[in-house]
Amino acid sequence: MHETDDLFRELHSLCGGGYNFGFHLRYSRPVLVRSTYEDVWSLHYSKRKFILADPTMIWSLLHTGATRWSEIDIPDPLGVLCEAAGYGYRFGVTCSTGPIESRSLGSCARRDREFTDAEIAAILDVVTRIHARVERLPGLKSHQQEVLQLLEAGLTYEQICAELDLSRTAVVNRLKGARKVLGAATNAEAIRIAIERGHLTSTSLTGVAKGLPFG
């Protein structure tokens, strides 16, 4: 996971105003989601269902490569890009890589100016490397996922034991195994990583808003 974190730090350094990417989108869910957009925009985007007609999403499903938002010649009936500008994301670049059955896609944004050709090439290179790296990330076993999902939903250890008819030791061991697979130091970190990788369904509004990539 450390190599992936290094790549995301590199991506962050290239994106002046933030980014949101979903990696290996399969059956409408990405294996990994990472967003640094402000929550107020993420929640607004989710509430308005912008993903259904976002021209950046449509472009990334029809093409691979990278393009500036200003160069996307696709109708924007919901005014997604105008709304994004109103939240400070005036300039952006959308990237897409991989086969359609397991595509990685998303956008980076800036508040001050367009991305240069060199910056776009560098961003696409990092996204492509993350795409390759994420494909090799280990997954949770079903019993580990089950316990983490209940913990994310707010159940206590005692409630999880009762729900799954397990001893406390068994629950602790499953959580320990999940943390090891995810490279997490705490249960909270394990839950965050599992949501990012698409292993869990977030029951929080912010988490749900970040469940799919958006422009």
Protein backbone atom coordinates (compact mmCIF):
# COMPACT_ATOMS: atom_id res chain seq x y z
CA MET A 1 0.00 0.00 0.00
CA HIS A 2 2.92 2.35 0.60
CA GLU A 3 3.72 2.45 -3.12
CA THR A 4 0.11 3.41 -3.85
CA ASP A 5 0.18 6.14 -1.19
CA ASP A 6 3.34 7.56 -2.76
CA LEU A 7 1.59 7.70 -6.13
CA PHE A 8 -1.40 9.50 -4.63
CA ARG A 9 0.93 12.04 -3.03
CA GLU A 10 2.45 12.59 -6.46
CA LEU A 11 -1.03 13.02 -7.93
CA HIS A 12 -1.95 15.49 -5.20
CA SER A 13 1.12 17.59 -5.97
CA LEU A 14 0.00 17.85 -9.62
CA CYS A 15 -3.62 18.80 -8.88
CA GLY A 16 -3.93 22.35 -7.64
CA GLY A 17 -7.53 22.20 -6.41
CA GLY A 18 -8.18 18.54 -5.72
CA TYR A 19 -9.13 15.35 -7.51
CA ASN A 20 -11.55 12.44 -7.48
CA PHE A 21 -10.76 9.09 -9.09
CA GLY A 22 -12.30 5.64 -9.14
CA PHE A 23 -10.02 2.77 -10.11
CA HIS A 24 -11.12 -0.41 -11.87
CA LEU A 25 -14.80 0.43 -12.20
CA ARG A 26 -16.61 -2.92 -12.39
CA TYR A 27 -20.37 -3.44 -12.26
CA SER A 28 -20.82 0.26 -11.38
CA ARG A 29 -18.46 0.08 -8.38
CA PRO A 30 -14.77 0.96 -8.33
CA VAL A 31 -12.21 -1.20 -6.55
CA LEU A 32 -10.66 1.95 -5.06
CA VAL A 33 -11.92 5.53 -4.72
CA ARG A 34 -9.81 8.47 -3.64
CA SER A 35 -11.07 12.05 -3.41
CA THR A 36 -9.61 15.31 -2.15
CA TYR A 37 -12.49 17.53 -3.26
CA GLU A 38 -14.21 19.53 -0.52
CA ASP A 39 -17.10 17.67 1.13
CA VAL A 40 -19.53 20.51 0.40
CA TRP A 41 -19.07 19.93 -3.35
CA SER A 42 -19.11 16.14 -2.99
CA LEU A 43 -22.42 16.26 -1.12
CA HIS A 44 -23.96 18.76 -3.56
CA TYR A 45 -22.88 16.59 -6.50
CA SER A 46 -24.42 13.51 -4.89
CA LYS A 47 -27.64 15.24 -3.85
CA ARG A 48 -28.25 16.60 -7.35
CA LYS A 49 -27.47 13.21 -8.98
CA PHE A 50 -24.98 14.92 -11.31
CA ILE A 51 -23.25 11.63 -12.06
CA LEU A 52 -26.20 10.63 -14.28
CA ALA A 53 -25.39 13.36 -16.84
CA ASP A 54 -21.86 14.51 -16.02
CA PRO A 55 -20.10 15.19 -19.35
CA THR A 56 -16.73 14.31 -17.82
CA MET A 57 -18.05 10.88 -16.82
CA ILE A 58 -19.58 10.32 -20.26
CA TRP A 59 -16.31 11.33 -21.94
CA SER A 60 -14.28 8.97 -19.76
CA LEU A 61 -16.54 6.04 -20.63
CA LEU A 62 -16.31 6.78 -24.35
CA HIS A 63 -12.58 7.54 -24.49
CA THR A 64 -9.24 6.75 -22.90
CA GLY A 65 -6.56 9.36 -22.37
CA ALA A 66 -6.98 12.85 -20.94
CA THR A 67 -8.74 16.06 -21.88
CA ARG A 68 -9.45 19.46 -20.38
CA TRP A 69 -13.01 20.09 -19.25
CA SER A 70 -13.15 23.06 -21.61
CA GLU A 71 -12.44 20.73 -24.54
CA ILE A 72 -15.26 18.25 -23.82
CA ASP A 73 -17.89 18.65 -26.54
CA ILE A 74 -20.72 16.80 -24.80
CA PRO A 75 -24.07 18.29 -23.69
CA ASP A 76 -24.27 19.27 -20.03
CA PRO A 77 -28.05 19.39 -19.37
CA LEU A 78 -27.66 19.61 -15.59
CA GLY A 79 -24.98 22.29 -15.77
CA VAL A 80 -22.47 20.18 -13.87
CA LEU A 81 -19.41 22.11 -15.01
CA CYS A 82 -21.03 25.47 -14.25
CA GLU A 83 -21.95 24.21 -10.79
CA ALA A 84 -18.39 22.98 -10.27
CA ALA A 85 -17.08 26.43 -11.18
CA GLY A 86 -19.43 27.93 -8.60
CA TYR A 87 -17.74 25.80 -5.96
CA GLY A 88 -14.30 26.96 -7.06
CA TYR A 89 -13.46 24.17 -9.51
CA ARG A 90 -13.27 26.31 -12.65
CA PHE A 91 -10.64 24.40 -14.61
CA GLY A 92 -10.18 20.68 -14.83
CA VAL A 93 -8.82 17.68 -16.65
CA THR A 94 -10.50 14.30 -16.99
CA CYS A 95 -8.49 11.08 -17.30
CA SER A 96 -9.51 7.58 -18.31
CA THR A 97 -7.43 4.43 -18.65
CA GLY A 98 -7.94 0.70 -18.94
CA PRO A 99 -10.48 -1.54 -20.71
CA ILE A 100 -14.15 -0.64 -20.43
CA GLU A 101 -14.87 -3.66 -18.21
CA SER A 102 -12.34 -2.45 -15.62
CA ARG A 103 -11.77 1.22 -16.29
CA SER A 104 -10.13 3.80 -14.04
CA LEU A 105 -11.41 7.34 -14.42
CA GLY A 106 -11.86 10.69 -12.75
CA SER A 107 -10.84 14.32 -12.75
CA CYS A 108 -8.43 16.86 -11.31
CA ALA A 109 -9.35 20.50 -10.82
CA ARG A 110 -7.77 23.91 -10.43
CA ARG A 111 -9.19 27.26 -9.34
CA ASP A 112 -6.73 29.56 -11.08
CA ARG A 113 -5.89 28.39 -14.62
CA GLU A 114 -6.02 25.60 -17.19
CA PHE A 115 -3.69 22.63 -16.78
CA THR A 116 -0.72 22.71 -19.16
CA ASP A 117 -0.05 19.92 -21.65
CA ALA A 118 2.93 18.81 -19.56
CA GLU A 119 0.83 18.69 -16.38
CA ILE A 120 -1.88 16.69 -18.12
CA ALA A 121 0.66 14.17 -19.41
CA ALA A 122 2.14 13.82 -15.91
CA ILE A 123 -1.30 13.36 -14.31
CA LEU A 124 -2.30 10.69 -16.83
CA ASP A 125 1.00 8.89 -16.24
CA VAL A 126 0.40 8.77 -12.48
CA VAL A 127 -3.21 7.65 -12.92
CA THR A 128 -2.07 4.88 -15.27
CA ARG A 129 0.51 3.69 -12.73
CA ILE A 130 -2.08 3.69 -9.94
CA HIS A 131 -4.41 1.71 -12.22
CA ALA A 132 -1.72 -0.95 -12.65
CA ARG A 133 -0.89 -0.98 -8.94
CA VAL A 134 -4.50 -1.22 -7.72
CA GLU A 135 -5.10 -4.30 -9.86
CA ARG A 136 -2.65 -6.15 -7.60
CA LEU A 137 -4.10 -5.00 -4.24
CA PRO A 138 -5.21 -7.88 -1.97
CA GLY A 139 -8.89 -8.21 -1.12
CA LEU A 140 -10.76 -8.97 2.08
CA LYS A 141 -12.20 -12.39 2.81
CA SER A 142 -15.99 -12.46 3.13
CA HIS A 143 -15.94 -13.02 6.91
CA GLN A 144 -13.55 -10.08 7.40
CA GLN A 145 -15.70 -7.86 5.22
CA GLU A 146 -18.82 -8.88 7.15
CA VAL A 147 -17.38 -7.86 10.52
CA LEU A 148 -15.97 -4.58 9.21
CA GLN A 149 -19.32 -3.68 7.62
CA LEU A 150 -21.12 -4.11 10.93
CA LEU A 151 -18.48 -2.09 12.76
CA GLU A 152 -18.80 0.69 10.14
CA ALA A 153 -22.57 0.68 10.72
CA GLY A 154 -21.96 1.55 14.37
CA LEU A 155 -22.46 -1.80 16.07
CA THR A 156 -20.45 -2.52 19.21
CA TYR A 157 -18.30 -5.62 19.63
CA GLU A 158 -21.05 -7.18 21.75
CA GLN A 159 -23.69 -6.45 19.11
CA ILE A 160 -21.49 -7.89 16.36
CA CYS A 161 -20.96 -11.04 18.43
CA ALA A 162 -24.73 -11.42 18.83
CA GLU A 163 -25.46 -10.62 15.17
CA LEU A 164 -22.98 -13.18 13.84
CA ASP A 165 -23.16 -15.66 16.74
CA LEU A 166 -19.43 -15.35 17.33
CA SER A 167 -17.22 -15.08 20.38
CA ARG A 168 -15.49 -11.79 21.09
CA THR A 169 -12.16 -13.48 20.35
CA ALA A 170 -13.38 -14.50 16.89
CA VAL A 171 -14.53 -10.95 16.12
CA VAL A 172 -11.22 -9.50 17.31
CA ASN A 173 -9.28 -11.99 15.17
CA ARG A 174 -11.33 -11.19 12.06
CA LEU A 175 -10.74 -7.48 12.54
CA LYS A 176 -7.04 -8.13 13.10
CA GLY A 177 -6.90 -10.08 9.84
CA ALA A 178 -8.75 -7.31 7.99
CA ARG A 179 -6.32 -4.68 9.28
CA LYS A 180 -3.37 -6.79 8.13
CA VAL A 181 -4.78 -7.25 4.62
CA LEU A 182 -5.54 -3.54 4.29
CA GLY A 183 -2.30 -2.37 5.87
CA ALA A 184 -4.23 -0.44 8.53
CA ALA A 185 -3.10 0.35 12.06
CA THR A 186 -6.62 0.81 13.49
CA ASN A 187 -10.14 -0.40 12.81
CA ALA A 188 -11.17 3.11 11.76
CA GLU A 189 -8.38 3.22 9.20
CA ALA A 190 -9.33 -0.26 7.99
CA ILE A 191 -12.92 0.87 7.45
CA ARG A 192 -11.78 3.95 5.51
CA ILE A 193 -9.50 1.91 3.25
CA ALA A 194 -12.15 -0.77 2.74
CA ILE A 195 -14.68 1.86 1.64
CA GLU A 196 -12.13 3.40 -0.72
CA ARG A 197 -11.50 -0.02 -2.27
CA GLY A 198 -15.19 -0.79 -2.65
CA HIS A 199 -15.23 -3.61 -0.08
CA LEU A 200 -17.77 -1.83 2.15
CA THR A 201 -20.88 0.25 1.63
CA SER A 202 -20.62 3.47 3.61
CA THR A 203 -23.60 4.32 5.81
CA SER A 204 -22.48 7.95 6.20
CA LEU A 205 -23.67 10.64 3.77
CA THR A 206 -20.14 11.79 2.98
CA GLY A 207 -19.02 8.23 2.36
CA VAL A 208 -21.93 7.56 0.03
CA ALA A 209 -21.15 10.75 -1.87
CA LYS A 210 -17.63 9.48 -2.44
CA GLY A 211 -18.74 6.04 -3.57
CA LEU A 212 -18.32 6.88 -7.24
CA PRO A 213 -15.93 9.18 -9.02
CA PHE A 214 -17.18 12.44 -10.42
CA GLY A 215 -15.93 15.48 -12.27
